[in-house]
């Protein structure tokens, strides 16, 4: 199963990854990061490794490894 790694400290809260995940596996953290943003996290589940989240992230903070 693919592993999804997100650098929450660099997340700017655009949530393009959340909207574009076909399996709705990305969620918003309820707490603010150091920038005052609610970052995204991988909630677990069956990631297919499609890469849409990483592709849509303008900050390139999402890495997917198989």
PDB file of N, CA and C in Angstrom:
ATOM      1  N   UNK A   1       0.850  -1.179   0.000  1.00  0.00           N
ATOM      2  CA  UNK A   1       0.000   0.000   0.000  1.00  0.00           C
ATOM      3  C   UNK A   1       0.894   1.241   0.000  1.00  0.00           C
ATOM      4  N   UNK A   2       0.572   2.250  -0.792  1.00  0.00           N
ATOM      5  CA  UNK A   2       1.358   3.482  -0.842  1.00  0.00           C
ATOM      6  C   UNK A   2       1.349   4.226   0.489  1.00  0.00           C
ATOM      7  N   UNK A   3       2.438   4.955   0.746  1.00  0.00           N
ATOM      8  CA  UNK A   3       2.523   5.780   1.949  1.00  0.00           C
ATOM      9  C   UNK A   3       2.435   7.246   1.528  1.00  0.00           C
ATOM     10  N   UNK A   4       1.663   8.013   2.269  1.00  0.00           N
ATOM     11  CA  UNK A   4       1.484   9.434   1.991  1.00  0.00           C
ATOM     12  C   UNK A   4       2.134  10.217   3.119  1.00  0.00           C
ATOM     13  N   UNK A   5       3.062  11.099   2.757  1.00  0.00           N
ATOM     14  CA  UNK A   5       3.745  11.923   3.749  1.00  0.00           C
ATOM     15  C   UNK A   5       3.470  13.391   3.413  1.00  0.00           C
ATOM     16  N   UNK A   6       2.997  14.136   4.417  1.00  0.00           N
ATOM     17  CA  UNK A   6       2.648  15.541   4.229  1.00  0.00           C
ATOM     18  C   UNK A   6       3.437  16.382   5.226  1.00  0.00           C
ATOM     19  N   UNK A   7       4.110  17.411   4.735  1.00  0.00           N
ATOM     20  CA  UNK A   7       4.841  18.340   5.603  1.00  0.00           C
ATOM     21  C   UNK A   7       3.841  19.383   6.104  1.00  0.00           C
ATOM     22  N   UNK A   8       3.213  19.105   7.248  1.00  0.00           N
ATOM     23  CA  UNK A   8       2.145  19.966   7.779  1.00  0.00           C
ATOM     24  C   UNK A   8       2.636  21.375   8.107  1.00  0.00           C
ATOM     25  N   UNK A   9       3.920  21.505   8.425  1.00  0.00           N
ATOM     26  CA  UNK A   9       4.445  22.827   8.784  1.00  0.00           C
ATOM     27  C   UNK A   9       4.492  23.769   7.591  1.00  0.00           C
ATOM     28  N   UNK A  10       4.493  23.224   6.373  1.00  0.00           N
ATOM     29  CA  UNK A  10       4.541  24.059   5.163  1.00  0.00           C
ATOM     30  C   UNK A  10       3.191  24.220   4.473  1.00  0.00           C
ATOM     31  N   UNK A  11       2.158  23.560   4.983  1.00  0.00           N
ATOM     32  CA  UNK A  11       0.831  23.629   4.379  1.00  0.00           C
ATOM     33  C   UNK A  11       0.290  25.057   4.477  1.00  0.00           C
ATOM     34  N   UNK A  12      -0.235  25.562   3.361  1.00  0.00           N
ATOM     35  CA  UNK A  12      -0.797  26.917   3.333  1.00  0.00           C
ATOM     36  C   UNK A  12      -2.324  26.920   3.328  1.00  0.00           C
ATOM     37  N   UNK A  13      -2.932  25.748   3.421  1.00  0.00           N
ATOM     38  CA  UNK A  13      -4.382  25.672   3.566  1.00  0.00           C
ATOM     39  C   UNK A  13      -5.193  25.928   2.318  1.00  0.00           C
ATOM     40  N   UNK A  14      -4.670  25.612   1.154  1.00  0.00           N
ATOM     41  CA  UNK A  14      -5.473  25.797  -0.066  1.00  0.00           C
ATOM     42  C   UNK A  14      -6.492  24.658  -0.217  1.00  0.00           C
ATOM     43  N   UNK A  15      -6.173  23.499   0.351  1.00  0.00           N
ATOM     44  CA  UNK A  15      -7.031  22.308   0.365  1.00  0.00           C
ATOM     45  C   UNK A  15      -7.346  21.749  -1.013  1.00  0.00           C
ATOM     46  N   UNK A  16      -6.524  22.068  -2.007  1.00  0.00           N
ATOM     47  CA  UNK A  16      -6.704  21.487  -3.338  1.00  0.00           C
ATOM     48  C   UNK A  16      -6.506  19.976  -3.303  1.00  0.00           C
ATOM     49  N   UNK A  17      -5.614  19.520  -2.437  1.00  0.00           N
ATOM     50  CA  UNK A  17      -5.382  18.079  -2.309  1.00  0.00           C
ATOM     51  C   UNK A  17      -6.618  17.381  -1.748  1.00  0.00           C
ATOM     52  N   UNK A  18      -7.257  18.005  -0.773  1.00  0.00           N
ATOM     53  CA  UNK A  18      -8.453  17.428  -0.145  1.00  0.00           C
ATOM     54  C   UNK A  18      -9.570  17.292  -1.176  1.00  0.00           C
ATOM     55  N   UNK A  19      -9.779  18.324  -1.942  1.00  0.00           N
ATOM     56  CA  UNK A  19     -10.858  18.349  -2.940  1.00  0.00           C
ATOM     57  C   UNK A  19     -10.611  17.339  -4.060  1.00  0.00           C
ATOM     58  N   UNK A  20      -9.338  17.109  -4.397  1.00  0.00           N
ATOM     59  CA  UNK A  20      -9.022  16.268  -5.549  1.00  0.00           C
ATOM     60  C   UNK A  20      -8.680  14.826  -5.227  1.00  0.00           C
ATOM     61  N   UNK A  21      -8.681  14.434  -3.966  1.00  0.00           N
ATOM     62  CA  UNK A  21      -8.429  13.033  -3.618  1.00  0.00           C
ATOM     63  C   UNK A  21      -9.664  12.215  -3.993  1.00  0.00           C
ATOM     64  N   UNK A  22      -9.527  11.273  -4.922  1.00  0.00           N
ATOM     65  CA  UNK A  22     -10.706  10.519  -5.360  1.00  0.00           C
ATOM     66  C   UNK A  22     -11.303   9.613  -4.273  1.00  0.00           C
ATOM     67  N   UNK A  23     -10.513   9.320  -3.233  1.00  0.00           N
ATOM     68  CA  UNK A  23     -10.998   8.441  -2.172  1.00  0.00           C
ATOM     69  C   UNK A  23     -11.265   9.180  -0.869  1.00  0.00           C
ATOM     70  N   UNK A  24     -11.192  10.508  -0.895  1.00  0.00           N
ATOM     71  CA  UNK A  24     -11.456  11.354   0.276  1.00  0.00           C
ATOM     72  C   UNK A  24     -10.648  10.915   1.506  1.00  0.00           C
ATOM     73  N   UNK A  25      -9.344  10.704   1.308  1.00  0.00           N
ATOM     74  CA  UNK A  25      -8.479  10.236   2.386  1.00  0.00           C
ATOM     75  C   UNK A  25      -7.693  11.353   3.061  1.00  0.00           C
ATOM     76  N   UNK A  26      -7.803  12.565   2.558  1.00  0.00           N
ATOM     77  CA  UNK A  26      -7.109  13.695   3.161  1.00  0.00           C
ATOM     78  C   UNK A  26      -8.114  14.530   3.945  1.00  0.00           C
ATOM     79  N   UNK A  27      -7.727  14.900   5.148  1.00  0.00           N
ATOM     80  CA  UNK A  27      -8.608  15.664   6.042  1.00  0.00           C
ATOM     81  C   UNK A  27      -7.868  16.892   6.552  1.00  0.00           C
ATOM     82  N   UNK A  28      -8.598  17.801   7.163  1.00  0.00           N
ATOM     83  CA  UNK A  28      -8.033  19.024   7.723  1.00  0.00           C
ATOM     84  C   UNK A  28      -7.860  18.843   9.226  1.00  0.00           C
ATOM     85  N   UNK A  29      -6.648  19.153   9.713  1.00  0.00           N
ATOM     86  CA  UNK A  29      -6.348  19.070  11.142  1.00  0.00           C
ATOM     87  C   UNK A  29      -7.134  20.160  11.875  1.00  0.00           C
ATOM     88  N   UNK A  30      -7.747  19.856  13.008  1.00  0.00           N
ATOM     89  CA  UNK A  30      -8.514  20.885  13.726  1.00  0.00           C
ATOM     90  C   UNK A  30      -7.641  21.969  14.364  1.00  0.00           C
ATOM     91  N   UNK A  31      -6.362  21.663  14.654  1.00  0.00           N
ATOM     92  CA  UNK A  31      -5.470  22.635  15.282  1.00  0.00           C
ATOM     93  C   UNK A  31      -4.711  23.441  14.226  1.00  0.00           C
ATOM     94  N   UNK A  32      -4.320  24.649  14.588  1.00  0.00           N
ATOM     95  CA  UNK A  32      -3.548  25.513  13.693  1.00  0.00           C
ATOM     96  C   UNK A  32      -2.071  25.146  13.750  1.00  0.00           C
ATOM     97  N   UNK A  33      -1.383  25.296  12.593  1.00  0.00           N
ATOM     98  CA  UNK A  33       0.065  25.120  12.589  1.00  0.00           C
ATOM     99  C   UNK A  33       0.720  26.458  12.949  1.00  0.00           C
ATOM    100  N   UNK A  34       2.035  26.559  12.874  1.00  0.00           N
ATOM    101  CA  UNK A  34       2.760  27.767  13.255  1.00  0.00           C
ATOM    102  C   UNK A  34       2.385  28.971  12.388  1.00  0.00           C
ATOM    103  N   UNK A  35       1.873  28.714  11.190  1.00  0.00           N
ATOM    104  CA  UNK A  35       1.462  29.791  10.281  1.00  0.00           C
ATOM    105  C   UNK A  35       0.027  30.244  10.523  1.00  0.00           C
ATOM    106  N   UNK A  36      -0.662  29.593  11.466  1.00  0.00           N
ATOM    107  CA  UNK A  36      -2.053  29.934  11.728  1.00  0.00           C
ATOM    108  C   UNK A  36      -3.011  29.278  10.755  1.00  0.00           C
ATOM    109  N   UNK A  37      -2.567  28.215  10.122  1.00  0.00           N
ATOM    110  CA  UNK A  37      -3.359  27.488   9.119  1.00  0.00           C
ATOM    111  C   UNK A  37      -3.741  26.122   9.681  1.00  0.00           C
ATOM    112  N   UNK A  38      -4.890  25.627   9.309  1.00  0.00           N
ATOM    113  CA  UNK A  38      -5.270  24.256   9.640  1.00  0.00           C
ATOM    114  C   UNK A  38      -4.738  23.365   8.515  1.00  0.00           C
ATOM    115  N   UNK A  39      -3.638  22.641   8.771  1.00  0.00           N
ATOM    116  CA  UNK A  39      -3.027  21.845   7.702  1.00  0.00           C
ATOM    117  C   UNK A  39      -3.795  20.557   7.405  1.00  0.00           C
ATOM    118  N   UNK A  40      -3.349  19.891   6.377  1.00  0.00           N
ATOM    119  CA  UNK A  40      -3.962  18.651   5.909  1.00  0.00           C
ATOM    120  C   UNK A  40      -3.189  17.458   6.448  1.00  0.00           C
ATOM    121  N   UNK A  41      -3.890  16.351   6.690  1.00  0.00           N
ATOM    122  CA  UNK A  41      -3.225  15.107   7.058  1.00  0.00           C
ATOM    123  C   UNK A  41      -3.869  13.950   6.312  1.00  0.00           C
ATOM    124  N   UNK A  42      -3.112  12.864   6.205  1.00  0.00           N
ATOM    125  CA  UNK A  42      -3.604  11.640   5.581  1.00  0.00           C
ATOM    126  C   UNK A  42      -4.343  10.854   6.645  1.00  0.00           C
ATOM    127  N   UNK A  43      -5.609  10.586   6.419  1.00  0.00           N
ATOM    128  CA  UNK A  43      -6.453   9.950   7.430  1.00  0.00           C
ATOM    129  C   UNK A  43      -6.338   8.436   7.450  1.00  0.00           C
ATOM    130  N   UNK A  44      -5.548   7.888   6.568  1.00  0.00           N
ATOM    131  CA  UNK A  44      -5.444   6.432   6.480  1.00  0.00           C
ATOM    132  C   UNK A  44      -6.452   5.911   5.475  1.00  0.00           C
ATOM    133  N   UNK A  45      -6.537   4.640   5.364  1.00  0.00           N
ATOM    134  CA  UNK A  45      -7.471   4.055   4.408  1.00  0.00           C
ATOM    135  C   UNK A  45      -6.735   3.515   3.194  1.00  0.00           C
ATOM    136  N   UNK A  46      -7.478   3.163   2.190  1.00  0.00           N
ATOM    137  CA  UNK A  46      -6.910   2.518   1.012  1.00  0.00           C
ATOM    138  C   UNK A  46      -6.501   3.525  -0.055  1.00  0.00           C
ATOM    139  N   UNK A  47      -5.308   4.070   0.109  1.00  0.00           N
ATOM    140  CA  UNK A  47      -4.746   4.967  -0.899  1.00  0.00           C
ATOM    141  C   UNK A  47      -4.332   4.136  -2.108  1.00  0.00           C
ATOM    142  N   UNK A  48      -4.716   4.581  -3.282  1.00  0.00           N
ATOM    143  CA  UNK A  48      -4.355   3.863  -4.507  1.00  0.00           C
ATOM    144  C   UNK A  48      -3.024   4.344  -5.069  1.00  0.00           C
ATOM    145  N   UNK A  49      -2.496   5.440  -4.523  1.00  0.00           N
ATOM    146  CA  UNK A  49      -1.239   5.985  -5.013  1.00  0.00           C
ATOM    147  C   UNK A  49      -1.387   6.722  -6.330  1.00  0.00           C
ATOM    148  N   UNK A  50      -2.572   7.236  -6.595  1.00  0.00           N
ATOM    149  CA  UNK A  50      -2.822   7.915  -7.876  1.00  0.00           C
ATOM    150  C   UNK A  50      -2.004   9.194  -8.031  1.00  0.00           C
ATOM    151  N   UNK A  51      -1.652   9.826  -6.908  1.00  0.00           N
ATOM    152  CA  UNK A  51      -0.815  11.022  -6.955  1.00  0.00           C
ATOM    153  C   UNK A  51      -1.542  12.324  -7.191  1.00  0.00           C
ATOM    154  N   UNK A  52      -2.855  12.305  -7.235  1.00  0.00           N
ATOM    155  CA  UNK A  52      -3.603  13.549  -7.478  1.00  0.00           C
ATOM    156  C   UNK A  52      -3.327  14.592  -6.395  1.00  0.00           C
ATOM    157  N   UNK A  53      -3.223  14.161  -5.151  1.00  0.00           N
ATOM    158  CA  UNK A  53      -2.970  15.111  -4.065  1.00  0.00           C
ATOM    159  C   UNK A  53      -1.626  15.807  -4.262  1.00  0.00           C
ATOM    160  N   UNK A  54      -0.589  15.029  -4.564  1.00  0.00           N
ATOM    161  CA  UNK A  54       0.748  15.591  -4.770  1.00  0.00           C
ATOM    162  C   UNK A  54       0.780  16.486  -6.006  1.00  0.00           C
ATOM    163  N   UNK A  55       0.088  16.089  -7.028  1.00  0.00           N
ATOM    164  CA  UNK A  55       0.050  16.867  -8.269  1.00  0.00           C
ATOM    165  C   UNK A  55      -0.637  18.211  -8.062  1.00  0.00           C
ATOM    166  N   UNK A  56      -1.684  18.240  -7.274  1.00  0.00           N
ATOM    167  CA  UNK A  56      -2.459  19.464  -7.062  1.00  0.00           C
ATOM    168  C   UNK A  56      -1.828  20.419  -6.049  1.00  0.00           C
ATOM    169  N   UNK A  57      -0.918  19.937  -5.213  1.00  0.00           N
ATOM    170  CA  UNK A  57      -0.332  20.773  -4.163  1.00  0.00           C
ATOM    171  C   UNK A  57       0.632  21.805  -4.752  1.00  0.00           C
ATOM    172  N   UNK A  58       0.305  23.101  -4.642  1.00  0.00           N
ATOM    173  CA  UNK A  58       1.186  24.132  -5.202  1.00  0.00           C
ATOM    174  C   UNK A  58       2.494  24.277  -4.424  1.00  0.00           C
ATOM    175  N   UNK A  59       2.544  23.775  -3.209  1.00  0.00           N
ATOM    176  CA  UNK A  59       3.746  23.877  -2.378  1.00  0.00           C
ATOM    177  C   UNK A  59       4.623  22.630  -2.464  1.00  0.00           C
ATOM    178  N   UNK A  60       4.155  21.595  -3.148  1.00  0.00           N
ATOM    179  CA  UNK A  60       4.889  20.330  -3.316  1.00  0.00           C
ATOM    180  C   UNK A  60       5.291  19.733  -1.964  1.00  0.00           C
ATOM    181  N   UNK A  61       4.350  19.700  -1.019  1.00  0.00           N
ATOM    182  CA  UNK A  61       4.655  19.185   0.311  1.00  0.00           C
ATOM    183  C   UNK A  61       4.143  17.772   0.535  1.00  0.00           C
ATOM    184  N   UNK A  62       3.566  17.160  -0.494  1.00  0.00           N
ATOM    185  CA  UNK A  62       3.020  15.805  -0.375  1.00  0.00           C
ATOM    186  C   UNK A  62       3.900  14.840  -1.177  1.00  0.00           C
ATOM    187  N   UNK A  63       4.338  13.796  -0.507  1.00  0.00           N
ATOM    188  CA  UNK A  63       5.156  12.762  -1.156  1.00  0.00           C
ATOM    189  C   UNK A  63       4.456  11.431  -1.005  1.00  0.00           C
ATOM    190  N   UNK A  64       4.411  10.690  -2.112  1.00  0.00           N
ATOM    191  CA  UNK A  64       3.796   9.364  -2.096  1.00  0.00           C
ATOM    192  C   UNK A  64       4.864   8.360  -2.481  1.00  0.00           C
ATOM    193  N   UNK A  65       5.017   7.340  -1.633  1.00  0.00           N
ATOM    194  CA  UNK A  65       5.963   6.261  -1.922  1.00  0.00           C
ATOM    195  C   UNK A  65       5.212   4.942  -1.904  1.00  0.00           C
ATOM    196  N   UNK A  66       5.671   4.034  -2.705  1.00  0.00           N
ATOM    197  CA  UNK A  66       5.011   2.717  -2.779  1.00  0.00           C
ATOM    198  C   UNK A  66       5.851   1.675  -2.104  1.00  0.00           C
TER     199      UNK A  66
END
